[in-house]
Amino acid sequence: KGRSFTLCSVRQFASPADREEYGGIYLDCDVIVLKPLSLFSNSVGLEELSPERLNGAVMAFRKHSPFIMSCMLEFYSTYDDTRLRWNGADLLTRVAGNFSSKPDAVNTQQ
């Protein structure tokens, strides 16, 4: 299937790929941090107005995180260049649903 990768879709894939390979923290430039960043490990942000949905604006993961690897596999297998949220925040929410029964798999903090 022909796929059109835009700059936005490259960012959506590159940020999790960096977290998987190196670990670390990703923050969008409009995020205001109220807690020490050292408190975040294997964590992803929540949508403010829709707390059942995850948001990739804040991500902190250890190197070689199984959650991030699952996100990358989901991105590759379900990428749709006509659906922006599907490839980003919705993808995080879908993958987290598969991890919800595993302890310490992914944390969400408000």
N, C-alpha and C. Protein backbone atom coordinates (compact mmCIF):
# COMPACT_ATOMS: atom_id res chain seq x y z
N LYS A 1 0.85 -1.18 0.00
CA LYS A 1 0.00 0.00 0.00
C LYS A 1 0.89 1.23 0.00
N GLY A 2 0.64 2.17 -0.88
CA GLY A 2 1.40 3.41 -0.92
C GLY A 2 1.07 4.27 0.28
N ARG A 3 2.11 4.79 0.91
CA ARG A 3 1.91 5.61 2.10
C ARG A 3 2.60 6.94 1.90
N SER A 4 1.93 7.99 2.33
CA SER A 4 2.47 9.33 2.26
C SER A 4 2.85 9.77 3.67
N PHE A 5 4.15 9.88 3.92
CA PHE A 5 4.62 10.29 5.23
C PHE A 5 4.88 11.79 5.22
N THR A 6 4.18 12.52 6.07
CA THR A 6 4.35 13.95 6.18
C THR A 6 5.35 14.26 7.28
N LEU A 7 5.75 15.52 7.40
CA LEU A 7 6.66 15.91 8.48
C LEU A 7 6.06 15.57 9.84
N CYS A 8 4.75 15.78 9.99
CA CYS A 8 4.09 15.46 11.25
C CYS A 8 4.15 13.96 11.54
N SER A 9 3.94 13.13 10.54
CA SER A 9 3.97 11.68 10.77
C SER A 9 5.39 11.21 11.07
N VAL A 10 6.38 11.87 10.49
CA VAL A 10 7.76 11.51 10.81
C VAL A 10 8.05 11.83 12.27
N ARG A 11 7.57 12.98 12.77
CA ARG A 11 7.75 13.33 14.18
C ARG A 11 7.03 12.33 15.08
N GLN A 12 5.82 11.92 14.66
CA GLN A 12 5.05 10.97 15.46
C GLN A 12 5.78 9.64 15.59
N PHE A 13 6.55 9.28 14.60
CA PHE A 13 7.30 8.03 14.66
C PHE A 13 8.68 8.24 15.30
N ALA A 14 9.33 9.35 14.99
CA ALA A 14 10.70 9.57 15.45
C ALA A 14 10.79 9.73 16.96
N SER A 15 9.85 10.43 17.57
CA SER A 15 9.92 10.63 19.01
C SER A 15 9.84 9.31 19.78
N PRO A 16 8.85 8.46 19.50
CA PRO A 16 8.86 7.15 20.19
C PRO A 16 10.08 6.31 19.83
N ALA A 17 10.56 6.40 18.60
CA ALA A 17 11.76 5.64 18.22
C ALA A 17 12.96 6.07 19.05
N ASP A 18 13.10 7.38 19.27
CA ASP A 18 14.18 7.87 20.13
C ASP A 18 14.01 7.37 21.55
N ARG A 19 12.79 7.38 22.09
CA ARG A 19 12.56 6.88 23.46
C ARG A 19 12.89 5.40 23.54
N GLU A 20 12.58 4.63 22.52
CA GLU A 20 12.84 3.19 22.54
C GLU A 20 14.35 2.94 22.52
N GLU A 21 15.05 3.62 21.67
CA GLU A 21 16.49 3.40 21.50
C GLU A 21 17.31 3.94 22.67
N TYR A 22 16.99 5.14 23.14
CA TYR A 22 17.83 5.81 24.13
C TYR A 22 17.18 6.00 25.49
N GLY A 23 15.84 5.87 25.56
CA GLY A 23 15.14 6.22 26.79
C GLY A 23 15.10 7.73 26.92
N GLY A 24 14.49 8.21 27.98
CA GLY A 24 14.50 9.64 28.20
C GLY A 24 13.12 10.25 28.19
N ILE A 25 13.11 11.57 28.15
CA ILE A 25 11.87 12.34 28.28
C ILE A 25 11.64 13.16 27.02
N TYR A 26 10.39 13.18 26.56
CA TYR A 26 9.99 14.06 25.46
C TYR A 26 8.90 14.99 25.99
N LEU A 27 9.03 16.27 25.71
CA LEU A 27 8.01 17.26 26.06
C LEU A 27 7.75 18.14 24.85
N ASP A 28 6.47 18.36 24.51
CA ASP A 28 6.14 19.38 23.53
C ASP A 28 6.57 20.73 24.08
N CYS A 29 6.81 21.71 23.22
CA CYS A 29 7.32 23.00 23.68
C CYS A 29 6.28 23.81 24.47
N ASP A 30 5.01 23.43 24.43
CA ASP A 30 3.99 24.17 25.17
C ASP A 30 3.60 23.51 26.49
N VAL A 31 4.39 22.57 26.97
CA VAL A 31 4.12 21.86 28.22
C VAL A 31 4.71 22.64 29.39
N ILE A 32 3.94 22.80 30.45
CA ILE A 32 4.41 23.42 31.68
C ILE A 32 4.62 22.31 32.70
N VAL A 33 5.82 22.19 33.19
CA VAL A 33 6.19 21.11 34.12
C VAL A 33 6.01 21.61 35.55
N LEU A 34 5.21 20.87 36.35
CA LEU A 34 4.93 21.24 37.73
C LEU A 34 5.54 20.27 38.74
N LYS A 35 6.04 19.14 38.27
CA LYS A 35 6.67 18.16 39.15
C LYS A 35 8.08 17.91 38.64
N PRO A 36 8.99 17.47 39.52
CA PRO A 36 10.34 17.13 39.04
C PRO A 36 10.27 16.04 37.96
N LEU A 37 11.02 16.23 36.89
CA LEU A 37 11.01 15.26 35.79
C LEU A 37 11.54 13.90 36.23
N SER A 38 12.33 13.87 37.28
CA SER A 38 12.87 12.59 37.76
C SER A 38 11.78 11.66 38.29
N LEU A 39 10.58 12.20 38.57
CA LEU A 39 9.47 11.38 39.05
C LEU A 39 8.83 10.55 37.93
N PHE A 40 9.14 10.86 36.68
CA PHE A 40 8.48 10.21 35.55
C PHE A 40 9.34 9.09 34.98
N SER A 41 8.77 7.91 34.91
CA SER A 41 9.43 6.76 34.31
C SER A 41 8.34 5.89 33.70
N ASN A 42 8.53 5.49 32.46
CA ASN A 42 7.51 4.72 31.74
C ASN A 42 6.15 5.39 31.89
N SER A 43 6.11 6.66 31.51
CA SER A 43 4.91 7.48 31.69
C SER A 43 4.56 8.19 30.40
N VAL A 44 3.27 8.45 30.25
CA VAL A 44 2.78 9.21 29.11
C VAL A 44 1.67 10.13 29.63
N GLY A 45 1.51 11.30 29.01
CA GLY A 45 0.54 12.27 29.48
C GLY A 45 -0.89 11.89 29.15
N LEU A 46 -1.82 12.56 29.83
CA LEU A 46 -3.25 12.39 29.59
C LEU A 46 -3.81 13.63 28.92
N GLU A 47 -4.84 13.46 28.12
CA GLU A 47 -5.57 14.60 27.57
C GLU A 47 -6.26 15.32 28.72
N GLU A 48 -6.14 16.63 28.78
CA GLU A 48 -6.73 17.39 29.88
C GLU A 48 -8.26 17.29 29.89
N LEU A 49 -8.88 17.42 28.74
CA LEU A 49 -10.34 17.43 28.68
C LEU A 49 -10.94 16.05 28.48
N SER A 50 -10.11 15.08 28.24
CA SER A 50 -10.58 13.72 27.98
C SER A 50 -9.59 12.74 28.63
N PRO A 51 -9.62 12.60 29.96
CA PRO A 51 -8.59 11.84 30.67
C PRO A 51 -8.52 10.35 30.37
N GLU A 52 -9.47 9.83 29.62
CA GLU A 52 -9.36 8.42 29.22
C GLU A 52 -8.48 8.26 27.98
N ARG A 53 -8.03 9.38 27.42
CA ARG A 53 -7.17 9.35 26.22
C ARG A 53 -5.77 9.83 26.57
N LEU A 54 -4.78 9.15 26.03
CA LEU A 54 -3.40 9.54 26.25
C LEU A 54 -2.98 10.61 25.24
N ASN A 55 -1.89 11.30 25.57
CA ASN A 55 -1.40 12.38 24.74
C ASN A 55 0.12 12.29 24.67
N GLY A 56 0.67 12.31 23.50
CA GLY A 56 2.12 12.19 23.32
C GLY A 56 2.91 13.45 23.59
N ALA A 57 2.27 14.49 24.14
CA ALA A 57 2.98 15.72 24.45
C ALA A 57 3.98 15.54 25.59
N VAL A 58 3.76 14.55 26.43
CA VAL A 58 4.66 14.23 27.54
C VAL A 58 4.90 12.72 27.52
N MET A 59 6.14 12.33 27.36
CA MET A 59 6.50 10.91 27.40
C MET A 59 7.85 10.76 28.09
N ALA A 60 7.93 9.82 29.00
CA ALA A 60 9.18 9.50 29.69
C ALA A 60 9.27 7.98 29.78
N PHE A 61 10.27 7.40 29.12
CA PHE A 61 10.39 5.94 29.09
C PHE A 61 11.84 5.51 29.24
N ARG A 62 12.01 4.35 29.86
CA ARG A 62 13.33 3.73 29.94
C ARG A 62 13.72 3.20 28.56
N LYS A 63 14.99 3.04 28.39
CA LYS A 63 15.54 2.48 27.16
C LYS A 63 14.92 1.11 26.88
N HIS A 64 14.57 0.84 25.63
CA HIS A 64 14.00 -0.43 25.18
C HIS A 64 12.68 -0.77 25.85
N SER A 65 11.83 0.22 26.01
CA SER A 65 10.52 0.03 26.63
C SER A 65 9.63 -0.86 25.75
N PRO A 66 9.05 -1.92 26.31
CA PRO A 66 8.12 -2.75 25.54
C PRO A 66 6.90 -1.95 25.05
N PHE A 67 6.46 -0.97 25.84
CA PHE A 67 5.32 -0.15 25.43
C PHE A 67 5.66 0.65 24.18
N ILE A 68 6.82 1.28 24.17
CA ILE A 68 7.21 2.09 23.00
C ILE A 68 7.44 1.19 21.79
N MET A 69 8.01 0.03 21.98
CA MET A 69 8.19 -0.89 20.85
C MET A 69 6.83 -1.29 20.28
N SER A 70 5.85 -1.55 21.15
CA SER A 70 4.50 -1.87 20.69
C SER A 70 3.88 -0.69 19.94
N CYS A 71 4.16 0.54 20.41
CA CYS A 71 3.66 1.73 19.71
C CYS A 71 4.25 1.82 18.30
N MET A 72 5.54 1.54 18.18
CA MET A 72 6.18 1.62 16.86
C MET A 72 5.62 0.55 15.93
N LEU A 73 5.39 -0.65 16.42
CA LEU A 73 4.81 -1.71 15.59
C LEU A 73 3.39 -1.36 15.18
N GLU A 74 2.61 -0.80 16.11
CA GLU A 74 1.24 -0.37 15.81
C GLU A 74 1.25 0.75 14.76
N PHE A 75 2.16 1.71 14.90
CA PHE A 75 2.28 2.81 13.95
C PHE A 75 2.54 2.26 12.55
N TYR A 76 3.50 1.36 12.44
CA TYR A 76 3.86 0.81 11.14
C TYR A 76 2.72 0.00 10.52
N SER A 77 2.04 -0.78 11.33
CA SER A 77 1.01 -1.67 10.78
C SER A 77 -0.33 -0.99 10.53
N THR A 78 -0.60 0.15 11.18
CA THR A 78 -1.92 0.78 11.03
C THR A 78 -1.86 2.21 10.53
N TYR A 79 -0.68 2.69 10.12
CA TYR A 79 -0.53 4.08 9.69
C TYR A 79 -1.54 4.44 8.60
N ASP A 80 -2.19 5.58 8.78
CA ASP A 80 -3.17 6.09 7.80
C ASP A 80 -2.92 7.59 7.66
N ASP A 81 -2.41 8.01 6.50
CA ASP A 81 -2.05 9.41 6.31
C ASP A 81 -3.25 10.36 6.25
N THR A 82 -4.46 9.83 6.32
CA THR A 82 -5.65 10.68 6.32
C THR A 82 -6.20 10.91 7.74
N ARG A 83 -5.60 10.27 8.74
CA ARG A 83 -6.13 10.34 10.11
C ARG A 83 -5.01 10.69 11.09
N LEU A 84 -4.85 12.00 11.37
CA LEU A 84 -3.76 12.48 12.19
C LEU A 84 -3.80 11.91 13.61
N ARG A 85 -4.91 12.02 14.32
CA ARG A 85 -4.99 11.52 15.70
C ARG A 85 -4.80 10.00 15.76
N TRP A 86 -5.27 9.30 14.76
CA TRP A 86 -5.13 7.84 14.70
C TRP A 86 -3.67 7.43 14.83
N ASN A 87 -2.79 8.22 14.22
CA ASN A 87 -1.36 7.91 14.20
C ASN A 87 -0.62 8.42 15.43
N GLY A 88 -1.27 9.23 16.26
CA GLY A 88 -0.61 9.86 17.41
C GLY A 88 -1.24 9.47 18.73
N ALA A 89 -2.06 10.39 19.27
CA ALA A 89 -2.65 10.17 20.59
C ALA A 89 -3.55 8.93 20.62
N ASP A 90 -4.32 8.71 19.58
CA ASP A 90 -5.18 7.52 19.56
C ASP A 90 -4.34 6.24 19.55
N LEU A 91 -3.21 6.28 18.88
CA LEU A 91 -2.33 5.11 18.85
C LEU A 91 -1.82 4.80 20.25
N LEU A 92 -1.40 5.82 20.99
CA LEU A 92 -0.94 5.60 22.37
C LEU A 92 -2.04 4.99 23.23
N THR A 93 -3.25 5.49 23.06
CA THR A 93 -4.39 4.98 23.83
C THR A 93 -4.68 3.53 23.47
N ARG A 94 -4.64 3.19 22.17
CA ARG A 94 -4.89 1.80 21.74
C ARG A 94 -3.86 0.85 22.35
N VAL A 95 -2.61 1.22 22.24
CA VAL A 95 -1.55 0.34 22.74
C VAL A 95 -1.62 0.22 24.26
N ALA A 96 -1.89 1.31 24.96
CA ALA A 96 -1.99 1.26 26.43
C ALA A 96 -3.12 0.34 26.86
N GLY A 97 -4.19 0.25 26.07
CA GLY A 97 -5.28 -0.66 26.39
C GLY A 97 -4.82 -2.11 26.46
N ASN A 98 -3.82 -2.44 25.65
CA ASN A 98 -3.26 -3.80 25.67
C ASN A 98 -2.36 -4.02 26.88
N PHE A 99 -1.86 -2.94 27.47
CA PHE A 99 -0.95 -3.04 28.61
C PHE A 99 -1.65 -2.85 29.94
N SER A 100 -2.92 -2.51 29.94
CA SER A 100 -3.60 -2.13 31.18
C SER A 100 -3.61 -3.23 32.23
N SER A 101 -3.52 -4.47 31.84
CA SER A 101 -3.54 -5.55 32.82
C SER A 101 -2.15 -5.94 33.30
N LYS A 102 -1.10 -5.30 32.75
CA LYS A 102 0.27 -5.62 33.14
C LYS A 102 0.77 -4.60 34.15
N PRO A 103 1.23 -5.02 35.32
CA PRO A 103 1.71 -4.07 36.32
C PRO A 103 2.96 -3.33 35.83
N ASP A 104 3.05 -2.04 36.15
CA ASP A 104 4.19 -1.19 35.83
C ASP A 104 4.50 -1.12 34.33
N ALA A 105 3.53 -1.40 33.49
CA ALA A 105 3.78 -1.34 32.05
C ALA A 105 3.80 0.11 31.57
N VAL A 106 2.81 0.89 31.97
CA VAL A 106 2.79 2.31 31.61
C VAL A 106 2.03 3.05 32.69
N ASN A 107 2.53 4.20 33.07
CA ASN A 107 1.89 5.03 34.10
C ASN A 107 1.32 6.26 33.44
N THR A 108 0.19 6.71 33.95
CA THR A 108 -0.36 8.00 33.52
C THR A 108 -0.49 8.85 34.77
N GLN A 109 0.02 10.06 34.70
CA GLN A 109 -0.01 10.94 35.85
C GLN A 109 -0.62 12.25 35.46
N GLN A 110 -1.41 12.82 36.35
CA GLN A 110 -2.03 14.13 36.08
C GLN A 110 -1.28 15.20 36.81
